[in-house]
Amino acid sequence: MRIAPGIHRIGTDSAVNAYLLEEGGEVTIIDAAMAGYHDDLLRELDAMGRTVADVRALVLTHGHGDHIGFAERLRRERGVPVSVHEADAALARGEVPNPARTGPTKLGPLLGFLWHGLRHGGLRTQHLVEVATYGDGATLDVPGSPRVILLPGHTPGSAALHAPALGALFVGDALATYAVTTGRRGPQVAPFSADWQQAVASLDRLADVDAALVLAGHGDPWTDGVPAAVEAVRKSASLAA
């Protein structure tokens, strides 16, 4: 699905998102959703007039299973380099326990998310055998040249990727616009965050980010800019406290 010039989303809905950045005929994948999204990736590349041969990098916003989905397959079969923030490398390799806390839940949405995972290969996720790392503040040498902004809380190495030329901020699960555990929509702390207070506090690091488009790992695009998204998360967190 085309989101904006140079930006596509993989998949048929926004329950779990992965994105494609295109620049000069080359592609960066941001996050790898679940294992079953591999075929969706191929279909979206085809719709763009591209193939896997045009993919130069796969950049993970963090190391959770619903973001590393097809990453190891793409690395192993196609030689696509995969990277994640250094604080989440061990998580992406499956060497440390997942620090996630579920948070508020409603049975219907949670069961729906679990069913989505079953249908899209959530149980077939493979951890990374090899993964490169990046640090806070780095501008990555990949198509789109995203800049890394570390936003710990969801995971220790949760990071946003700012693509200034595209006017977009890819936040992974630093915030969500749809809560898969409650069905609530709008910017909010993402479910399964390890430290909810830290997740909110980390958003202060986005104060100077100029991007009209905020793209989360779960939920529809937010088009009212970064400050409004951050304010909505803070309001949501205060109401839940």
C-alpha atoms as a PDB file:
ATOM      1  CA  MET A   1       0.000   0.000   0.000  1.00  0.00           C
ATOM      2  CA  ARG A   2       1.382   3.415  -0.980  1.00  0.00           C
ATOM      3  CA  ILE A   3       1.411   5.737   2.036  1.00  0.00           C
ATOM      4  CA  ALA A   4       3.183   8.732   0.501  1.00  0.00           C
ATOM      5  CA  PRO A   5       5.740   9.373  -2.263  1.00  0.00           C
ATOM      6  CA  GLY A   6       8.633   7.024  -1.585  1.00  0.00           C
ATOM      7  CA  ILE A   7       6.856   5.176   1.250  1.00  0.00           C
ATOM      8  CA  HIS A   8       4.870   1.943   1.061  1.00  0.00           C
ATOM      9  CA  ARG A   9       3.392  -0.303   3.734  1.00  0.00           C
ATOM     10  CA  ILE A  10       3.528  -4.086   3.576  1.00  0.00           C
ATOM     11  CA  GLY A  11       0.339  -6.045   4.191  1.00  0.00           C
ATOM     12  CA  THR A  12      -3.395  -5.683   3.808  1.00  0.00           C
ATOM     13  CA  ASP A  13      -4.213  -3.915   7.079  1.00  0.00           C
ATOM     14  CA  SER A  14      -2.481  -1.884   9.785  1.00  0.00           C
ATOM     15  CA  ALA A  15      -2.584  -4.368  12.671  1.00  0.00           C
ATOM     16  CA  VAL A  16       1.139  -5.051  12.192  1.00  0.00           C
ATOM     17  CA  ASN A  17       3.162  -2.744   9.981  1.00  0.00           C
ATOM     18  CA  ALA A  18       6.390  -2.887   8.031  1.00  0.00           C
ATOM     19  CA  TYR A  19       7.440  -0.191   5.601  1.00  0.00           C
ATOM     20  CA  LEU A  20       9.411   0.257   2.398  1.00  0.00           C
ATOM     21  CA  LEU A  21      11.421   3.406   1.660  1.00  0.00           C
ATOM     22  CA  GLU A  22      12.381   3.930  -1.966  1.00  0.00           C
ATOM     23  CA  GLU A  23      15.119   6.281  -3.096  1.00  0.00           C
ATOM     24  CA  GLY A  24      16.777   6.267  -6.484  1.00  0.00           C
ATOM     25  CA  GLY A  25      15.346   2.853  -7.366  1.00  0.00           C
ATOM     26  CA  GLU A  26      16.728   1.268  -4.179  1.00  0.00           C
ATOM     27  CA  VAL A  27      14.743   0.145  -1.146  1.00  0.00           C
ATOM     28  CA  THR A  28      15.128   0.072   2.625  1.00  0.00           C
ATOM     29  CA  ILE A  29      12.745  -2.105   4.623  1.00  0.00           C
ATOM     30  CA  ILE A  30      11.815  -0.797   8.063  1.00  0.00           C
ATOM     31  CA  ASP A  31      10.774  -3.697  10.306  1.00  0.00           C
ATOM     32  CA  ALA A  32       9.879  -7.192   9.177  1.00  0.00           C
ATOM     33  CA  ALA A  33       6.457  -7.752  10.782  1.00  0.00           C
ATOM     34  CA  MET A  34       5.690 -11.482  11.127  1.00  0.00           C
ATOM     35  CA  ALA A  35       7.172 -14.378   9.172  1.00  0.00           C
ATOM     36  CA  GLY A  36       4.089 -14.757   6.981  1.00  0.00           C
ATOM     37  CA  TYR A  37       4.459 -11.210   5.672  1.00  0.00           C
ATOM     38  CA  HIS A  38       7.290 -12.347   3.397  1.00  0.00           C
ATOM     39  CA  ASP A  39       4.894 -12.934   0.503  1.00  0.00           C
ATOM     40  CA  ASP A  40       3.275  -9.546   1.146  1.00  0.00           C
ATOM     41  CA  LEU A  41       6.737  -8.016   0.839  1.00  0.00           C
ATOM     42  CA  LEU A  42       7.237  -9.594  -2.589  1.00  0.00           C
ATOM     43  CA  ARG A  43       3.810  -8.429  -3.746  1.00  0.00           C
ATOM     44  CA  GLU A  44       4.411  -4.855  -2.599  1.00  0.00           C
ATOM     45  CA  LEU A  45       7.822  -4.714  -4.223  1.00  0.00           C
ATOM     46  CA  ASP A  46       6.242  -5.944  -7.458  1.00  0.00           C
ATOM     47  CA  ALA A  47       3.561  -3.245  -7.229  1.00  0.00           C
ATOM     48  CA  MET A  48       6.382  -0.701  -6.905  1.00  0.00           C
ATOM     49  CA  GLY A  49       8.129  -2.118  -9.958  1.00  0.00           C
ATOM     50  CA  ARG A  50      10.913  -3.442  -7.735  1.00  0.00           C
ATOM     51  CA  THR A  51      12.258  -6.814  -6.631  1.00  0.00           C
ATOM     52  CA  VAL A  52      14.195  -8.121  -3.641  1.00  0.00           C
ATOM     53  CA  ALA A  53      17.339  -7.424  -5.661  1.00  0.00           C
ATOM     54  CA  ASP A  54      16.606  -3.710  -5.153  1.00  0.00           C
ATOM     55  CA  VAL A  55      16.524  -4.047  -1.348  1.00  0.00           C
ATOM     56  CA  ARG A  56      19.708  -2.681   0.191  1.00  0.00           C
ATOM     57  CA  ALA A  57      18.918  -2.966   3.906  1.00  0.00           C
ATOM     58  CA  LEU A  58      16.423  -4.052   6.517  1.00  0.00           C
ATOM     59  CA  VAL A  59      16.418  -1.779   9.578  1.00  0.00           C
ATOM     60  CA  LEU A  60      14.618  -2.890  12.735  1.00  0.00           C
ATOM     61  CA  THR A  61      13.149  -0.348  15.144  1.00  0.00           C
ATOM     62  CA  HIS A  62      13.461  -2.913  17.969  1.00  0.00           C
ATOM     63  CA  GLY A  63      13.855  -6.616  18.588  1.00  0.00           C
ATOM     64  CA  HIS A  64      10.325  -7.887  19.293  1.00  0.00           C
ATOM     65  CA  GLY A  65       9.086 -10.948  17.420  1.00  0.00           C
ATOM     66  CA  ASP A  66       6.367  -9.102  15.491  1.00  0.00           C
ATOM     67  CA  HIS A  67       9.046  -6.811  14.020  1.00  0.00           C
ATOM     68  CA  ILE A  68      11.809  -9.294  13.181  1.00  0.00           C
ATOM     69  CA  GLY A  69       9.372 -11.677  11.403  1.00  0.00           C
ATOM     70  CA  PHE A  70      10.935 -12.400   7.995  1.00  0.00           C
ATOM     71  CA  ALA A  71      14.269 -10.665   8.712  1.00  0.00           C
ATOM     72  CA  GLU A  72      16.385 -13.798   9.198  1.00  0.00           C
ATOM     73  CA  ARG A  73      14.904 -15.415   6.085  1.00  0.00           C
ATOM     74  CA  LEU A  74      15.729 -12.339   3.998  1.00  0.00           C
ATOM     75  CA  ARG A  75      19.242 -12.172   5.457  1.00  0.00           C
ATOM     76  CA  ARG A  76      19.907 -15.871   4.936  1.00  0.00           C
ATOM     77  CA  GLU A  77      18.318 -16.362   1.517  1.00  0.00           C
ATOM     78  CA  ARG A  78      18.939 -12.970  -0.098  1.00  0.00           C
ATOM     79  CA  GLY A  79      21.932 -11.591   1.782  1.00  0.00           C
ATOM     80  CA  VAL A  80      20.056  -8.466   2.891  1.00  0.00           C
ATOM     81  CA  PRO A  81      21.909  -6.873   5.835  1.00  0.00           C
ATOM     82  CA  VAL A  82      19.776  -6.442   8.963  1.00  0.00           C
ATOM     83  CA  SER A  83      20.462  -3.893  11.694  1.00  0.00           C
ATOM     84  CA  VAL A  84      18.987  -2.937  15.066  1.00  0.00           C
ATOM     85  CA  HIS A  85      19.982  -0.599  17.895  1.00  0.00           C
ATOM     86  CA  GLU A  86      22.881  -2.027  19.872  1.00  0.00           C
ATOM     87  CA  ALA A  87      20.770  -2.241  23.049  1.00  0.00           C
ATOM     88  CA  ASP A  88      18.322  -4.629  21.326  1.00  0.00           C
ATOM     89  CA  ALA A  89      20.791  -6.839  19.449  1.00  0.00           C
ATOM     90  CA  ALA A  90      20.701  -9.615  22.054  1.00  0.00           C
ATOM     91  CA  LEU A  91      16.885  -9.519  22.048  1.00  0.00           C
ATOM     92  CA  ALA A  92      16.790  -9.809  18.240  1.00  0.00           C
ATOM     93  CA  ARG A  93      19.145 -12.792  18.465  1.00  0.00           C
ATOM     94  CA  GLY A  94      16.963 -14.448  21.123  1.00  0.00           C
ATOM     95  CA  GLU A  95      19.704 -14.368  23.744  1.00  0.00           C
ATOM     96  CA  VAL A  96      17.748 -12.523  26.447  1.00  0.00           C
ATOM     97  CA  PRO A  97      14.147 -12.785  27.680  1.00  0.00           C
ATOM     98  CA  ASN A  98      11.553 -10.518  26.130  1.00  0.00           C
ATOM     99  CA  PRO A  99      11.016  -7.707  28.698  1.00  0.00           C
ATOM    100  CA  ALA A 100       7.467  -6.975  27.501  1.00  0.00           C
ATOM    101  CA  ARG A 101       4.598  -6.210  29.876  1.00  0.00           C
ATOM    102  CA  THR A 102       1.133  -6.659  28.420  1.00  0.00           C
ATOM    103  CA  GLY A 103      -0.603  -3.671  29.995  1.00  0.00           C
ATOM    104  CA  PRO A 104      -4.394  -3.115  29.806  1.00  0.00           C
ATOM    105  CA  THR A 105      -6.246  -5.752  27.807  1.00  0.00           C
ATOM    106  CA  LYS A 106      -9.682  -6.484  26.428  1.00  0.00           C
ATOM    107  CA  LEU A 107     -10.401 -10.062  25.468  1.00  0.00           C
ATOM    108  CA  GLY A 108     -11.794  -9.430  21.984  1.00  0.00           C
ATOM    109  CA  PRO A 109      -8.936  -7.324  20.570  1.00  0.00           C
ATOM    110  CA  LEU A 110      -6.288  -9.492  22.238  1.00  0.00           C
ATOM    111  CA  LEU A 111      -7.762 -12.675  20.775  1.00  0.00           C
ATOM    112  CA  GLY A 112      -7.967 -10.934  17.413  1.00  0.00           C
ATOM    113  CA  PHE A 113      -4.272 -10.080  17.573  1.00  0.00           C
ATOM    114  CA  LEU A 114      -3.362 -13.631  18.560  1.00  0.00           C
ATOM    115  CA  TRP A 115      -5.425 -14.972  15.653  1.00  0.00           C
ATOM    116  CA  HIS A 116      -3.722 -12.494  13.331  1.00  0.00           C
ATOM    117  CA  GLY A 117      -0.390 -13.818  14.550  1.00  0.00           C
ATOM    118  CA  LEU A 118      -1.415 -17.420  13.930  1.00  0.00           C
ATOM    119  CA  ARG A 119      -2.540 -16.608  10.386  1.00  0.00           C
ATOM    120  CA  HIS A 120       0.605 -14.634   9.596  1.00  0.00           C
ATOM    121  CA  GLY A 121       3.291 -16.929  10.879  1.00  0.00           C
ATOM    122  CA  GLY A 122       3.794 -15.434  14.309  1.00  0.00           C
ATOM    123  CA  LEU A 123       4.786 -18.848  15.627  1.00  0.00           C
ATOM    124  CA  ARG A 124       7.367 -19.319  12.848  1.00  0.00           C
ATOM    125  CA  THR A 125       9.467 -16.291  13.704  1.00  0.00           C
ATOM    126  CA  GLN A 126      13.197 -16.985  13.651  1.00  0.00           C
ATOM    127  CA  HIS A 127      15.621 -14.928  15.682  1.00  0.00           C
ATOM    128  CA  LEU A 128      18.516 -13.301  13.867  1.00  0.00           C
ATOM    129  CA  VAL A 129      21.664 -15.375  13.572  1.00  0.00           C
ATOM    130  CA  GLU A 130      23.586 -12.266  12.555  1.00  0.00           C
ATOM    131  CA  VAL A 131      22.546  -8.652  13.057  1.00  0.00           C
ATOM    132  CA  ALA A 132      24.507  -5.434  12.667  1.00  0.00           C
ATOM    133  CA  THR A 133      23.980  -2.596  15.140  1.00  0.00           C
ATOM    134  CA  TYR A 134      23.540   1.149  15.003  1.00  0.00           C
ATOM    135  CA  GLY A 135      23.774   3.809  17.701  1.00  0.00           C
ATOM    136  CA  ASP A 136      21.724   6.789  18.783  1.00  0.00           C
ATOM    137  CA  GLY A 137      22.046   9.778  16.487  1.00  0.00           C
ATOM    138  CA  ALA A 138      23.505   7.836  13.562  1.00  0.00           C
ATOM    139  CA  THR A 139      22.430   8.664  10.019  1.00  0.00           C
ATOM    140  CA  LEU A 140      22.239   5.280   8.341  1.00  0.00           C
ATOM    141  CA  ASP A 141      23.917   4.736   4.980  1.00  0.00           C
ATOM    142  CA  VAL A 142      20.846   3.141   3.397  1.00  0.00           C
ATOM    143  CA  PRO A 143      18.214   4.386   0.944  1.00  0.00           C
ATOM    144  CA  GLY A 144      16.283   7.210   2.608  1.00  0.00           C
ATOM    145  CA  SER A 145      19.192   8.044   4.968  1.00  0.00           C
ATOM    146  CA  PRO A 146      17.101   7.775   8.151  1.00  0.00           C
ATOM    147  CA  ARG A 147      18.479   9.290  11.362  1.00  0.00           C
ATOM    148  CA  VAL A 148      18.272   7.208  14.535  1.00  0.00           C
ATOM    149  CA  ILE A 149      16.560   8.566  17.653  1.00  0.00           C
ATOM    150  CA  LEU A 150      16.786   6.239  20.654  1.00  0.00           C
ATOM    151  CA  LEU A 151      13.469   6.077  22.546  1.00  0.00           C
ATOM    152  CA  PRO A 152      13.881   3.435  25.276  1.00  0.00           C
ATOM    153  CA  GLY A 153      10.873   2.179  27.162  1.00  0.00           C
ATOM    154  CA  HIS A 154       9.122  -0.218  24.863  1.00  0.00           C
ATOM    155  CA  THR A 155      12.422  -2.083  24.784  1.00  0.00           C
ATOM    156  CA  PRO A 156      15.862  -0.865  25.869  1.00  0.00           C
ATOM    157  CA  GLY A 157      16.852  -0.309  22.246  1.00  0.00           C
ATOM    158  CA  SER A 158      13.555   0.963  20.865  1.00  0.00           C
ATOM    159  CA  ALA A 159      14.352   3.574  18.229  1.00  0.00           C
ATOM    160  CA  ALA A 160      12.609   5.901  15.812  1.00  0.00           C
ATOM    161  CA  LEU A 161      13.943   6.543  12.320  1.00  0.00           C
ATOM    162  CA  HIS A 162      13.551  10.050  10.920  1.00  0.00           C
ATOM    163  CA  ALA A 163      13.589  10.438   7.145  1.00  0.00           C
ATOM    164  CA  PRO A 164      13.638  14.236   6.665  1.00  0.00           C
ATOM    165  CA  ALA A 165      13.491  14.127   2.861  1.00  0.00           C
ATOM    166  CA  LEU A 166      10.234  12.187   3.097  1.00  0.00           C
ATOM    167  CA  GLY A 167       8.771  14.199   5.984  1.00  0.00           C
ATOM    168  CA  ALA A 168       8.291  10.960   7.910  1.00  0.00           C
ATOM    169  CA  LEU A 169       9.122   9.548  11.325  1.00  0.00           C
ATOM    170  CA  PHE A 170       9.022   5.759  11.688  1.00  0.00           C
ATOM    171  CA  VAL A 171       8.470   5.163  15.399  1.00  0.00           C
ATOM    172  CA  GLY A 172       8.205   1.378  15.587  1.00  0.00           C
ATOM    173  CA  ASP A 173       6.492   0.742  18.921  1.00  0.00           C
ATOM    174  CA  ALA A 174       7.797   3.851  20.683  1.00  0.00           C
ATOM    175  CA  LEU A 175       4.130   4.739  20.326  1.00  0.00           C
ATOM    176  CA  ALA A 176       1.163   3.063  18.661  1.00  0.00           C
ATOM    177  CA  THR A 177      -1.864   4.450  16.858  1.00  0.00           C
ATOM    178  CA  TYR A 178      -3.741   1.217  17.507  1.00  0.00           C
ATOM    179  CA  ALA A 179      -3.536  -0.919  20.632  1.00  0.00           C
ATOM    180  CA  VAL A 180      -3.699  -4.573  19.650  1.00  0.00           C
ATOM    181  CA  THR A 181      -4.642  -5.521  23.222  1.00  0.00           C
ATOM    182  CA  THR A 182      -7.544  -3.095  23.733  1.00  0.00           C
ATOM    183  CA  GLY A 183      -8.663  -1.946  20.283  1.00  0.00           C
ATOM    184  CA  ARG A 184      -8.126   1.696  21.233  1.00  0.00           C
ATOM    185  CA  ARG A 185      -7.119   4.011  18.389  1.00  0.00           C
ATOM    186  CA  GLY A 186      -5.000   7.145  18.413  1.00  0.00           C
ATOM    187  CA  PRO A 187      -1.445   7.815  19.617  1.00  0.00           C
ATOM    188  CA  GLN A 188      -0.713   6.010  22.886  1.00  0.00           C
ATOM    189  CA  VAL A 189       1.931   3.982  24.680  1.00  0.00           C
ATOM    190  CA  ALA A 190       2.266   0.736  22.754  1.00  0.00           C
ATOM    191  CA  PRO A 191       1.149  -2.488  24.442  1.00  0.00           C
ATOM    192  CA  PHE A 192       3.892  -4.870  25.541  1.00  0.00           C
ATOM    193  CA  SER A 193       6.161  -2.010  26.623  1.00  0.00           C
ATOM    194  CA  ALA A 194       8.742  -2.963  29.231  1.00  0.00           C
ATOM    195  CA  ASP A 195       8.674   0.410  31.025  1.00  0.00           C
ATOM    196  CA  TRP A 196       5.611   2.528  30.352  1.00  0.00           C
ATOM    197  CA  GLN A 197       6.838   5.606  32.236  1.00  0.00           C
ATOM    198  CA  GLN A 198      10.156   5.571  30.426  1.00  0.00           C
ATOM    199  CA  ALA A 199       8.354   5.163  27.094  1.00  0.00           C
ATOM    200  CA  VAL A 200       6.440   8.400  27.720  1.00  0.00           C
ATOM    201  CA  ALA A 201       9.487  10.268  29.029  1.00  0.00           C
ATOM    202  CA  SER A 202      11.554   9.243  25.999  1.00  0.00           C
ATOM    203  CA  LEU A 203       9.183  11.094  23.703  1.00  0.00           C
ATOM    204  CA  ASP A 204      10.780  14.355  24.919  1.00  0.00           C
ATOM    205  CA  ARG A 205      13.590  13.453  22.511  1.00  0.00           C
ATOM    206  CA  LEU A 206      11.229  14.092  19.598  1.00  0.00           C
ATOM    207  CA  ALA A 207      10.705  17.761  20.462  1.00  0.00           C
ATOM    208  CA  ASP A 208      12.780  19.054  17.543  1.00  0.00           C
ATOM    209  CA  VAL A 209      11.710  16.496  14.935  1.00  0.00           C
ATOM    210  CA  ASP A 210       9.978  18.037  11.927  1.00  0.00           C
ATOM    211  CA  ALA A 211       7.812  15.372  10.286  1.00  0.00           C
ATOM    212  CA  ALA A 212       4.170  15.614   9.299  1.00  0.00           C
ATOM    213  CA  LEU A 213       3.835  11.848   8.962  1.00  0.00           C
ATOM    214  CA  VAL A 214       4.232   9.541  11.970  1.00  0.00           C
ATOM    215  CA  LEU A 215       4.277   5.847  11.065  1.00  0.00           C
ATOM    216  CA  ALA A 216       3.903   3.320  13.866  1.00  0.00           C
ATOM    217  CA  GLY A 217       4.377  -0.419  14.049  1.00  0.00           C
ATOM    218  CA  HIS A 218       0.695  -0.850  14.837  1.00  0.00           C
ATOM    219  CA  GLY A 219      -2.094   1.364  13.542  1.00  0.00           C
ATOM    220  CA  ASP A 220      -2.842   3.802  10.748  1.00  0.00           C
ATOM    221  CA  PRO A 221      -0.575   6.684   9.704  1.00  0.00           C
ATOM    222  CA  TRP A 222      -0.767   9.807  11.867  1.00  0.00           C
ATOM    223  CA  THR A 223      -0.773  12.881   9.642  1.00  0.00           C
ATOM    224  CA  ASP A 224      -0.953  15.739  12.167  1.00  0.00           C
ATOM    225  CA  GLY A 225       2.747  15.900  12.946  1.00  0.00           C
ATOM    226  CA  VAL A 226       5.059  14.805  15.717  1.00  0.00           C
ATOM    227  CA  PRO A 227       4.137  17.342  18.465  1.00  0.00           C
ATOM    228  CA  ALA A 228       0.428  16.464  18.247  1.00  0.00           C
ATOM    229  CA  ALA A 229       1.209  12.744  18.358  1.00  0.00           C
ATOM    230  CA  VAL A 230       3.407  13.143  21.439  1.00  0.00           C
ATOM    231  CA  GLU A 231       0.813  15.272  23.187  1.00  0.00           C
ATOM    232  CA  ALA A 232      -1.866  12.667  22.465  1.00  0.00           C
ATOM    233  CA  VAL A 233       0.325   9.932  23.985  1.00  0.00           C
ATOM    234  CA  ARG A 234       0.900  11.997  27.126  1.00  0.00           C
ATOM    235  CA  LYS A 235      -2.805  12.694  27.476  1.00  0.00           C
ATOM    236  CA  SER A 236      -3.634   9.029  27.017  1.00  0.00           C
ATOM    237  CA  ALA A 237      -1.009   8.028  29.595  1.00  0.00           C
ATOM    238  CA  SER A 238      -2.300  10.544  32.153  1.00  0.00           C
ATOM    239  CA  LEU A 239      -5.857   9.280  31.772  1.00  0.00           C
ATOM    240  CA  ALA A 240      -4.692   5.698  32.261  1.00  0.00           C
ATOM    241  CA  ALA A 241      -2.646   6.522  35.359  1.00  0.00           C
END
